[in-house]
Amino acid sequence: MIPLKTRYQHFKNRVHARWNAILHEKIHSEFGVRVKYMFFKNAGSDTLIVSFPACAPNAARYNYVRALSAYNCDKMFLLDDFGTNHQGCYLVEDRVEKCVKSLLCSKLTGGV
């Protein structure tokens, strides 16, 4: 059995990530693909942290949103809701990969 404190922490992380997704989720469309992501800009930062998702057993979700919130830099969280049952493809399908590269390049060159 999972200790209550651990279950509470998991619940807190999921609520935090879901709330951020509702407020900050955007979509980048290119090459016939739509990649969902969240981007947090930190004024004056010249560093970008990109959180690539892991495949989830039940449904796609953003990873490490809360864990990286303490860092004072730009942060991008990618959602991998492709593949069977939207469980992910590791963002390596050809068109998906091109779309992610395009999105990252736009952020690195100052796009919003």
Protein backbone atom coordinates (compact mmCIF):
# COMPACT_ATOMS: atom_id res chain seq x y z
CA MET A 1 0.00 0.00 0.00
CA ILE A 2 1.27 3.47 -0.89
CA PRO A 3 1.72 5.71 2.17
CA LEU A 4 -0.82 8.51 2.55
CA LYS A 5 1.86 11.21 2.30
CA THR A 6 3.05 9.82 -1.05
CA ARG A 7 -0.50 9.57 -2.40
CA TYR A 8 -1.16 13.16 -1.31
CA GLN A 9 2.02 14.35 -3.05
CA HIS A 10 1.02 12.56 -6.28
CA PHE A 11 -2.44 14.12 -6.07
CA LYS A 12 -0.96 17.58 -5.43
CA ASN A 13 1.41 17.24 -8.42
CA ARG A 14 -1.44 16.17 -10.72
CA VAL A 15 -3.68 19.05 -9.64
CA HIS A 16 -0.82 21.52 -10.10
CA ALA A 17 -0.01 20.18 -13.58
CA ARG A 18 -3.66 20.07 -14.65
CA TRP A 19 -4.34 23.61 -13.44
CA ASN A 20 -1.28 24.88 -15.31
CA ALA A 21 -2.41 23.04 -18.44
CA ILE A 22 -5.81 24.72 -18.28
CA LEU A 23 -4.22 28.15 -17.93
CA HIS A 24 -1.11 27.85 -20.09
CA GLU A 25 -1.52 25.11 -22.70
CA LYS A 26 -0.90 26.18 -26.29
CA ILE A 27 -0.85 24.34 -29.60
CA HIS A 28 1.82 24.50 -32.30
CA SER A 29 0.53 23.29 -35.68
CA GLU A 30 2.80 22.45 -38.57
CA PHE A 31 3.35 19.57 -41.02
CA GLY A 32 -0.24 18.44 -40.42
CA VAL A 33 0.46 17.82 -36.72
CA ARG A 34 -0.67 19.63 -33.57
CA VAL A 35 1.77 19.56 -30.65
CA LYS A 36 0.44 20.70 -27.28
CA TYR A 37 2.83 22.46 -24.95
CA MET A 38 3.15 24.90 -22.07
CA PHE A 39 5.71 27.68 -22.13
CA PHE A 40 6.72 29.78 -19.14
CA LYS A 41 8.80 32.86 -19.93
CA ASN A 42 11.07 34.29 -17.25
CA ALA A 43 12.08 37.90 -17.94
CA GLY A 44 15.78 38.30 -18.55
CA SER A 45 16.50 34.59 -18.79
CA ASP A 46 18.81 33.25 -21.49
CA THR A 47 18.23 29.61 -20.50
CA LEU A 48 15.48 27.29 -21.69
CA ILE A 49 14.63 24.01 -19.97
CA VAL A 50 12.61 21.62 -22.13
CA SER A 51 10.72 18.81 -20.43
CA PHE A 52 10.20 15.93 -22.84
CA PRO A 53 7.38 13.65 -21.73
CA ALA A 54 7.51 10.00 -20.85
CA CYS A 55 4.91 7.61 -22.21
CA ALA A 56 2.13 7.21 -19.68
CA PRO A 57 0.20 3.98 -19.08
CA ASN A 58 -3.25 5.63 -19.03
CA ALA A 59 -3.12 9.03 -20.72
CA ALA A 60 -0.63 11.68 -21.73
CA ARG A 61 0.33 14.30 -19.16
CA TYR A 62 2.92 16.98 -18.59
CA ASN A 63 5.92 15.87 -16.56
CA TYR A 64 7.97 17.78 -13.94
CA VAL A 65 5.87 20.96 -13.98
CA ARG A 66 5.98 21.38 -10.23
CA ALA A 67 9.52 20.09 -9.83
CA LEU A 68 10.90 22.71 -12.23
CA SER A 69 8.77 25.61 -10.98
CA ALA A 70 11.52 26.81 -8.63
CA TYR A 71 14.02 27.41 -11.45
CA ASN A 72 14.26 31.02 -12.70
CA CYS A 73 14.54 30.38 -16.42
CA ASP A 74 12.30 29.81 -19.42
CA LYS A 75 10.56 26.43 -19.32
CA MET A 76 8.74 24.43 -21.98
CA PHE A 77 6.74 21.31 -21.26
CA LEU A 78 5.75 19.11 -24.20
CA LEU A 79 2.73 16.80 -24.23
CA ASP A 80 3.00 13.51 -26.09
CA ASP A 81 -0.62 12.56 -26.77
CA PHE A 82 0.08 10.75 -30.04
CA GLY A 83 0.00 7.05 -30.76
CA THR A 84 -2.39 4.33 -29.63
CA ASN A 85 -4.93 5.58 -27.07
CA HIS A 86 -3.01 8.88 -26.91
CA GLN A 87 -0.35 7.21 -24.78
CA GLY A 88 2.59 8.66 -26.70
CA CYS A 89 5.13 7.99 -29.42
CA TYR A 90 8.16 9.59 -27.71
CA LEU A 91 7.66 12.45 -30.21
CA VAL A 92 9.71 10.56 -32.81
CA GLU A 93 7.21 9.99 -35.59
CA ASP A 94 8.55 11.90 -38.60
CA ARG A 95 5.97 14.72 -38.83
CA VAL A 96 5.72 15.00 -35.03
CA GLU A 97 9.48 15.29 -34.71
CA LYS A 98 9.60 18.02 -37.38
CA CYS A 99 6.82 19.94 -35.63
CA VAL A 100 8.61 19.74 -32.26
CA LYS A 101 11.88 20.91 -33.85
CA SER A 102 10.05 23.84 -35.42
CA LEU A 103 8.47 24.76 -32.10
CA LEU A 104 11.80 24.63 -30.26
CA CYS A 105 13.51 26.71 -32.94
CA SER A 106 10.78 29.35 -32.70
CA LYS A 107 11.25 29.60 -28.92
CA LEU A 108 15.02 29.72 -29.17
CA THR A 109 14.83 32.59 -31.66
CA GLY A 110 12.49 34.57 -29.43
CA GLY A 111 9.05 33.61 -30.76
CA VAL A 112 6.04 33.39 -28.49
